[in-house]
Amino acid sequence: MRAREPAGGSQVAREHGAPSEAGLVIQFPLTHEDLSFLVGAHRVSITRAMKALRESGRIVQRGRTLILPRPR
């Protein structure tokens, strides 16, 4: 299964992310329920997508902070 970004994910990153050397850092904690509301998806879909994105390296989770690494 190929990891893909949920609809609206780029907008969430642009609105709530802070640029850093590592990529975009989303510094405030978002629950999967919060993300589901922001992107218009079911919470279970967010949980599955987040797992796939972490496993593929497209996001890095450090505690309650998410990092969207810069493209290679």
C-alpha atoms as a PDB file:
ATOM      1  CA  MET A   1       0.000   0.000   0.000  1.00  0.00           C
ATOM      2  CA  ARG A   2       1.387   3.381  -0.961  1.00  0.00           C
ATOM      3  CA  ALA A   3       1.132   6.129   1.671  1.00  0.00           C
ATOM      4  CA  ARG A   4      -0.633   9.196   0.450  1.00  0.00           C
ATOM      5  CA  GLU A   5      -1.523  12.464   2.061  1.00  0.00           C
ATOM      6  CA  PRO A   6      -5.161  12.844   3.127  1.00  0.00           C
ATOM      7  CA  ALA A   7      -7.142  15.509   1.282  1.00  0.00           C
ATOM      8  CA  GLY A   8      -6.418  18.902   2.821  1.00  0.00           C
ATOM      9  CA  GLY A   9      -3.191  17.738   4.493  1.00  0.00           C
ATOM     10  CA  SER A  10      -1.038  20.272   2.657  1.00  0.00           C
ATOM     11  CA  GLN A  11      -3.325  23.087   3.745  1.00  0.00           C
ATOM     12  CA  VAL A  12      -3.091  21.985   7.387  1.00  0.00           C
ATOM     13  CA  ALA A  13       0.716  21.918   7.148  1.00  0.00           C
ATOM     14  CA  ARG A  14       0.840  25.381   5.546  1.00  0.00           C
ATOM     15  CA  GLU A  15      -1.528  26.907   8.100  1.00  0.00           C
ATOM     16  CA  HIS A  16      -0.117  25.251  11.220  1.00  0.00           C
ATOM     17  CA  GLY A  17       3.474  24.346  10.321  1.00  0.00           C
ATOM     18  CA  ALA A  18       6.621  26.287  11.137  1.00  0.00           C
ATOM     19  CA  PRO A  19       9.555  25.970   8.714  1.00  0.00           C
ATOM     20  CA  SER A  20      12.751  24.451  10.086  1.00  0.00           C
ATOM     21  CA  GLU A  21      15.879  22.838   8.670  1.00  0.00           C
ATOM     22  CA  ALA A  22      14.203  19.435   9.069  1.00  0.00           C
ATOM     23  CA  GLY A  23      11.010  20.474   7.251  1.00  0.00           C
ATOM     24  CA  LEU A  24       7.650  21.782   8.424  1.00  0.00           C
ATOM     25  CA  VAL A  25       7.105  21.370  12.169  1.00  0.00           C
ATOM     26  CA  ILE A  26       3.581  21.267  13.548  1.00  0.00           C
ATOM     27  CA  GLN A  27       4.268  22.332  17.111  1.00  0.00           C
ATOM     28  CA  PHE A  28       0.895  22.131  18.786  1.00  0.00           C
ATOM     29  CA  PRO A  29      -0.636  18.776  19.599  1.00  0.00           C
ATOM     30  CA  LEU A  30      -3.342  17.549  17.243  1.00  0.00           C
ATOM     31  CA  THR A  31      -5.334  14.438  18.015  1.00  0.00           C
ATOM     32  CA  HIS A  32      -6.392  12.116  15.232  1.00  0.00           C
ATOM     33  CA  GLU A  33      -9.914  13.403  15.853  1.00  0.00           C
ATOM     34  CA  ASP A  34      -8.712  17.009  15.375  1.00  0.00           C
ATOM     35  CA  LEU A  35      -6.951  16.052  12.132  1.00  0.00           C
ATOM     36  CA  SER A  36     -10.038  14.207  10.898  1.00  0.00           C
ATOM     37  CA  PHE A  37     -12.117  17.344  11.399  1.00  0.00           C
ATOM     38  CA  LEU A  38      -9.541  19.552   9.655  1.00  0.00           C
ATOM     39  CA  VAL A  39      -9.242  17.349   6.568  1.00  0.00           C
ATOM     40  CA  GLY A  40     -12.796  15.982   6.438  1.00  0.00           C
ATOM     41  CA  ALA A  41     -12.002  12.298   7.015  1.00  0.00           C
ATOM     42  CA  HIS A  42     -12.965   9.648   9.553  1.00  0.00           C
ATOM     43  CA  ARG A  43     -10.701   9.320  12.598  1.00  0.00           C
ATOM     44  CA  VAL A  44      -9.953   5.681  11.764  1.00  0.00           C
ATOM     45  CA  SER A  45      -8.795   6.765   8.288  1.00  0.00           C
ATOM     46  CA  ILE A  46      -6.473   9.340   9.879  1.00  0.00           C
ATOM     47  CA  THR A  47      -5.020   6.707  12.219  1.00  0.00           C
ATOM     48  CA  ARG A  48      -4.293   4.373   9.295  1.00  0.00           C
ATOM     49  CA  ALA A  49      -2.893   7.184   7.130  1.00  0.00           C
ATOM     50  CA  MET A  50      -0.647   8.467   9.945  1.00  0.00           C
ATOM     51  CA  LYS A  51       0.762   4.975  10.477  1.00  0.00           C
ATOM     52  CA  ALA A  52       1.466   4.590   6.742  1.00  0.00           C
ATOM     53  CA  LEU A  53       3.044   8.068   6.566  1.00  0.00           C
ATOM     54  CA  ARG A  54       5.284   7.354   9.592  1.00  0.00           C
ATOM     55  CA  GLU A  55       6.361   3.990   8.166  1.00  0.00           C
ATOM     56  CA  SER A  56       7.177   5.569   4.792  1.00  0.00           C
ATOM     57  CA  GLY A  57       9.174   8.425   6.378  1.00  0.00           C
ATOM     58  CA  ARG A  58       6.856  11.131   5.053  1.00  0.00           C
ATOM     59  CA  ILE A  59       6.192  12.305   8.618  1.00  0.00           C
ATOM     60  CA  VAL A  60       8.254  12.013  11.787  1.00  0.00           C
ATOM     61  CA  GLN A  61       6.583  12.078  15.174  1.00  0.00           C
ATOM     62  CA  ARG A  62       8.538  13.337  18.191  1.00  0.00           C
ATOM     63  CA  GLY A  63       6.255  13.132  21.173  1.00  0.00           C
ATOM     64  CA  ARG A  64       3.260  15.266  20.241  1.00  0.00           C
ATOM     65  CA  THR A  65       5.144  17.190  17.539  1.00  0.00           C
ATOM     66  CA  LEU A  66       4.878  16.251  13.865  1.00  0.00           C
ATOM     67  CA  ILE A  67       7.611  16.982  11.336  1.00  0.00           C
ATOM     68  CA  LEU A  68       6.999  16.867   7.608  1.00  0.00           C
ATOM     69  CA  PRO A  69      10.545  16.329   6.306  1.00  0.00           C
ATOM     70  CA  ARG A  70      11.800  18.291   3.323  1.00  0.00           C
ATOM     71  CA  PRO A  71      11.586  16.350   0.061  1.00  0.00           C
ATOM     72  CA  ARG A  72      14.814  14.601  -0.890  1.00  0.00           C
END
